[in-house]
Amino acid sequence: MSADTERTPGWPLRAAFSGYKLVVSPVLHAISPTQCKFLPTCSEYAYTAMARHGMVRGTVLAVRRIARCHPFAEGGLDPVPEARQPGSR
């Protein structure tokens, strides 16, 4: 799927993610200065998942991703899956 076919999330979602990245994320990194195990980060993954798949499926994908983030996880590149085209299986 190209970037042209992704949905643009509404301003409340964009504002929530911007606020998280500007305020909450730096505080969390100050408390626990570990690096993210995955690329993209969980917040970037969640934003992209919601933009690509909508609020419900995007939230499910984001929660599954956060559940995979634990001290024993290998981490690495974990891109958001492409959205299915209508009529495809």
N, C-alpha and C. Protein backbone atom coordinates (compact mmCIF):
# COMPACT_ATOMS: atom_id res chain seq x y z
N MET A 1 0.86 -1.18 0.00
CA MET A 1 0.00 0.00 0.00
C MET A 1 0.90 1.23 0.00
N SER A 2 0.56 2.18 -0.79
CA SER A 2 1.36 3.40 -0.85
C SER A 2 0.89 4.36 0.23
N ALA A 3 1.70 5.36 0.48
CA ALA A 3 1.35 6.36 1.49
C ALA A 3 0.10 7.12 1.09
N ASP A 4 -0.19 7.16 -0.22
CA ASP A 4 -1.36 7.89 -0.70
C ASP A 4 -2.67 7.24 -0.25
N THR A 5 -2.66 5.93 -0.01
CA THR A 5 -3.90 5.24 0.34
C THR A 5 -4.10 5.14 1.85
N GLU A 6 -3.14 5.60 2.66
CA GLU A 6 -3.33 5.58 4.10
C GLU A 6 -4.30 6.67 4.50
N ARG A 7 -5.09 6.36 5.52
CA ARG A 7 -6.02 7.35 6.04
C ARG A 7 -5.25 8.37 6.85
N THR A 8 -5.73 9.59 6.85
CA THR A 8 -5.14 10.61 7.71
C THR A 8 -5.95 10.63 9.00
N PRO A 9 -5.31 10.27 10.13
CA PRO A 9 -6.04 10.26 11.39
C PRO A 9 -6.56 11.66 11.73
N GLY A 10 -7.66 11.69 12.45
CA GLY A 10 -8.25 12.96 12.87
C GLY A 10 -7.33 13.73 13.80
N TRP A 11 -7.63 15.00 13.98
CA TRP A 11 -6.75 15.84 14.80
C TRP A 11 -6.67 15.37 16.25
N PRO A 12 -7.71 14.79 16.87
CA PRO A 12 -7.53 14.33 18.26
C PRO A 12 -6.46 13.24 18.38
N LEU A 13 -6.44 12.32 17.42
CA LEU A 13 -5.44 11.26 17.45
C LEU A 13 -4.05 11.82 17.18
N ARG A 14 -3.95 12.71 16.21
CA ARG A 14 -2.65 13.33 15.93
C ARG A 14 -2.16 14.11 17.14
N ALA A 15 -3.06 14.85 17.81
CA ALA A 15 -2.68 15.63 19.01
C ALA A 15 -2.26 14.71 20.14
N ALA A 16 -2.96 13.58 20.33
CA ALA A 16 -2.60 12.65 21.40
C ALA A 16 -1.21 12.07 21.17
N PHE A 17 -0.90 11.66 19.95
CA PHE A 17 0.41 11.09 19.68
C PHE A 17 1.50 12.16 19.76
N SER A 18 1.21 13.37 19.31
CA SER A 18 2.20 14.45 19.42
C SER A 18 2.48 14.76 20.89
N GLY A 19 1.43 14.83 21.69
CA GLY A 19 1.60 15.08 23.12
C GLY A 19 2.40 13.98 23.79
N TYR A 20 2.12 12.74 23.42
CA TYR A 20 2.88 11.62 23.98
C TYR A 20 4.35 11.76 23.64
N LYS A 21 4.66 12.02 22.37
CA LYS A 21 6.06 12.10 21.95
C LYS A 21 6.78 13.31 22.55
N LEU A 22 6.06 14.40 22.79
CA LEU A 22 6.69 15.60 23.34
C LEU A 22 6.81 15.58 24.86
N VAL A 23 5.84 14.96 25.56
CA VAL A 23 5.81 15.04 27.02
C VAL A 23 6.07 13.70 27.69
N VAL A 24 5.26 12.71 27.39
CA VAL A 24 5.31 11.44 28.12
C VAL A 24 6.57 10.64 27.78
N SER A 25 6.88 10.50 26.51
CA SER A 25 8.03 9.70 26.10
C SER A 25 9.34 10.19 26.72
N PRO A 26 9.65 11.50 26.70
CA PRO A 26 10.89 11.94 27.34
C PRO A 26 10.93 11.65 28.84
N VAL A 27 9.78 11.75 29.51
CA VAL A 27 9.73 11.45 30.95
C VAL A 27 10.01 9.97 31.17
N LEU A 28 9.39 9.11 30.37
CA LEU A 28 9.64 7.67 30.51
C LEU A 28 11.09 7.32 30.25
N HIS A 29 11.70 7.95 29.27
CA HIS A 29 13.11 7.68 28.97
C HIS A 29 14.04 8.24 30.05
N ALA A 30 13.61 9.29 30.75
CA ALA A 30 14.40 9.83 31.86
C ALA A 30 14.35 8.87 33.06
N ILE A 31 13.21 8.24 33.27
CA ILE A 31 13.05 7.29 34.37
C ILE A 31 13.77 5.98 34.07
N SER A 32 13.60 5.48 32.87
CA SER A 32 14.22 4.23 32.45
C SER A 32 14.89 4.45 31.10
N PRO A 33 16.16 4.80 31.11
CA PRO A 33 16.83 5.19 29.86
C PRO A 33 17.23 4.04 28.94
N THR A 34 16.39 3.04 28.84
CA THR A 34 16.67 1.96 27.91
C THR A 34 16.24 2.36 26.51
N GLN A 35 16.83 1.71 25.53
CA GLN A 35 16.45 2.00 24.15
C GLN A 35 15.32 1.08 23.73
N CYS A 36 14.56 1.51 22.76
CA CYS A 36 13.47 0.70 22.24
C CYS A 36 14.04 -0.55 21.58
N LYS A 37 13.35 -1.66 21.74
CA LYS A 37 13.80 -2.92 21.15
C LYS A 37 13.37 -3.05 19.69
N PHE A 38 12.30 -2.36 19.34
CA PHE A 38 11.74 -2.50 18.00
C PHE A 38 11.89 -1.20 17.21
N LEU A 39 11.87 -1.36 15.91
CA LEU A 39 11.86 -0.22 15.01
C LEU A 39 10.73 -0.48 14.03
N PRO A 40 9.77 0.35 13.90
CA PRO A 40 9.56 1.64 14.55
C PRO A 40 9.20 1.46 16.04
N THR A 41 9.30 2.57 16.79
CA THR A 41 8.94 2.52 18.20
C THR A 41 7.46 2.17 18.33
N CYS A 42 7.05 1.79 19.53
CA CYS A 42 5.65 1.38 19.73
C CYS A 42 4.68 2.51 19.41
N SER A 43 5.02 3.75 19.77
CA SER A 43 4.10 4.85 19.49
C SER A 43 4.00 5.12 17.99
N GLU A 44 5.12 5.03 17.28
CA GLU A 44 5.09 5.21 15.82
C GLU A 44 4.32 4.06 15.16
N TYR A 45 4.52 2.85 15.68
CA TYR A 45 3.81 1.68 15.17
C TYR A 45 2.30 1.86 15.35
N ALA A 46 1.89 2.28 16.55
CA ALA A 46 0.46 2.46 16.84
C ALA A 46 -0.15 3.52 15.93
N TYR A 47 0.54 4.64 15.75
CA TYR A 47 0.02 5.71 14.89
C TYR A 47 -0.15 5.21 13.46
N THR A 48 0.87 4.53 12.94
CA THR A 48 0.82 4.02 11.57
C THR A 48 -0.26 2.95 11.43
N ALA A 49 -0.38 2.08 12.42
CA ALA A 49 -1.39 1.02 12.37
C ALA A 49 -2.80 1.62 12.33
N MET A 50 -3.03 2.65 13.13
CA MET A 50 -4.35 3.28 13.15
C MET A 50 -4.62 4.04 11.86
N ALA A 51 -3.59 4.65 11.30
CA ALA A 51 -3.75 5.36 10.03
C ALA A 51 -4.02 4.39 8.89
N ARG A 52 -3.36 3.25 8.92
CA ARG A 52 -3.46 2.28 7.83
C ARG A 52 -4.68 1.37 7.94
N HIS A 53 -5.05 1.00 9.16
CA HIS A 53 -6.09 -0.01 9.36
C HIS A 53 -7.34 0.51 10.05
N GLY A 54 -7.36 1.76 10.48
CA GLY A 54 -8.50 2.29 11.21
C GLY A 54 -8.31 2.12 12.72
N MET A 55 -9.21 2.72 13.49
CA MET A 55 -9.06 2.74 14.94
C MET A 55 -9.13 1.35 15.58
N VAL A 56 -10.09 0.53 15.19
CA VAL A 56 -10.29 -0.75 15.87
C VAL A 56 -9.14 -1.71 15.57
N ARG A 57 -8.92 -2.01 14.31
CA ARG A 57 -7.84 -2.96 13.95
C ARG A 57 -6.48 -2.37 14.30
N GLY A 58 -6.28 -1.08 14.12
CA GLY A 58 -5.02 -0.45 14.47
C GLY A 58 -4.72 -0.56 15.96
N THR A 59 -5.74 -0.40 16.79
CA THR A 59 -5.55 -0.55 18.23
C THR A 59 -5.20 -1.99 18.59
N VAL A 60 -5.86 -2.95 17.96
CA VAL A 60 -5.55 -4.36 18.21
C VAL A 60 -4.10 -4.66 17.83
N LEU A 61 -3.67 -4.18 16.68
CA LEU A 61 -2.28 -4.39 16.26
C LEU A 61 -1.30 -3.74 17.23
N ALA A 62 -1.61 -2.53 17.70
CA ALA A 62 -0.73 -1.82 18.63
C ALA A 62 -0.64 -2.55 19.97
N VAL A 63 -1.75 -3.05 20.47
CA VAL A 63 -1.74 -3.79 21.74
C VAL A 63 -0.93 -5.07 21.60
N ARG A 64 -1.08 -5.77 20.48
CA ARG A 64 -0.29 -6.98 20.24
C ARG A 64 1.20 -6.65 20.18
N ARG A 65 1.54 -5.54 19.57
CA ARG A 65 2.95 -5.13 19.49
C ARG A 65 3.49 -4.82 20.88
N ILE A 66 2.74 -4.07 21.69
CA ILE A 66 3.19 -3.72 23.03
C ILE A 66 3.36 -4.99 23.87
N ALA A 67 2.49 -5.97 23.68
CA ALA A 67 2.59 -7.23 24.42
C ALA A 67 3.86 -7.99 24.06
N ARG A 68 4.38 -7.79 22.84
CA ARG A 68 5.62 -8.47 22.44
C ARG A 68 6.85 -7.79 22.99
N CYS A 69 6.70 -6.60 23.55
CA CYS A 69 7.84 -5.85 24.05
C CYS A 69 8.07 -6.21 25.52
N HIS A 70 9.09 -7.00 25.77
CA HIS A 70 9.44 -7.43 27.12
C HIS A 70 10.95 -7.65 27.17
N PRO A 71 11.52 -7.82 28.35
CA PRO A 71 12.99 -7.92 28.46
C PRO A 71 13.61 -9.06 27.66
N PHE A 72 12.87 -10.11 27.36
CA PHE A 72 13.43 -11.24 26.64
C PHE A 72 13.16 -11.21 25.14
N ALA A 73 12.52 -10.17 24.67
CA ALA A 73 12.22 -10.04 23.24
C ALA A 73 13.49 -9.76 22.46
N GLU A 74 13.59 -10.35 21.28
CA GLU A 74 14.74 -10.08 20.41
C GLU A 74 14.69 -8.67 19.84
N GLY A 75 13.49 -8.21 19.53
CA GLY A 75 13.35 -6.88 18.94
C GLY A 75 13.69 -6.91 17.46
N GLY A 76 14.05 -5.76 16.94
CA GLY A 76 14.40 -5.66 15.54
C GLY A 76 13.36 -4.92 14.73
N LEU A 77 13.45 -5.05 13.42
CA LEU A 77 12.53 -4.38 12.51
C LEU A 77 11.18 -5.10 12.56
N ASP A 78 10.12 -4.34 12.83
CA ASP A 78 8.77 -4.88 12.94
C ASP A 78 7.79 -3.90 12.31
N PRO A 79 7.71 -3.91 10.97
CA PRO A 79 6.83 -2.94 10.30
C PRO A 79 5.35 -3.28 10.47
N VAL A 80 4.52 -2.29 10.33
CA VAL A 80 3.06 -2.47 10.37
C VAL A 80 2.66 -3.22 9.10
N PRO A 81 1.82 -4.26 9.23
CA PRO A 81 1.40 -4.98 8.02
C PRO A 81 0.61 -4.07 7.08
N GLU A 82 0.72 -4.38 5.81
CA GLU A 82 -0.04 -3.64 4.81
C GLU A 82 -1.52 -3.94 4.96
N ALA A 83 -2.35 -2.98 4.63
CA ALA A 83 -3.80 -3.18 4.66
C ALA A 83 -4.20 -4.08 3.51
N ARG A 84 -5.18 -4.91 3.74
CA ARG A 84 -5.68 -5.78 2.69
C ARG A 84 -6.46 -4.97 1.68
N GLN A 85 -6.30 -5.33 0.44
CA GLN A 85 -7.07 -4.68 -0.62
C GLN A 85 -8.48 -5.26 -0.61
N PRO A 86 -9.50 -4.46 -0.88
CA PRO A 86 -10.87 -4.99 -0.93
C PRO A 86 -10.97 -6.14 -1.93
N GLY A 87 -11.61 -7.22 -1.51
CA GLY A 87 -11.79 -8.36 -2.38
C GLY A 87 -10.66 -9.37 -2.33
N SER A 88 -9.56 -9.06 -1.63
CA SER A 88 -8.46 -10.02 -1.53
C SER A 88 -8.59 -10.80 -0.23
N ARG A 89 -7.95 -11.95 -0.16
CA ARG A 89 -8.02 -12.78 1.05
C ARG A 89 -6.76 -12.70 1.82
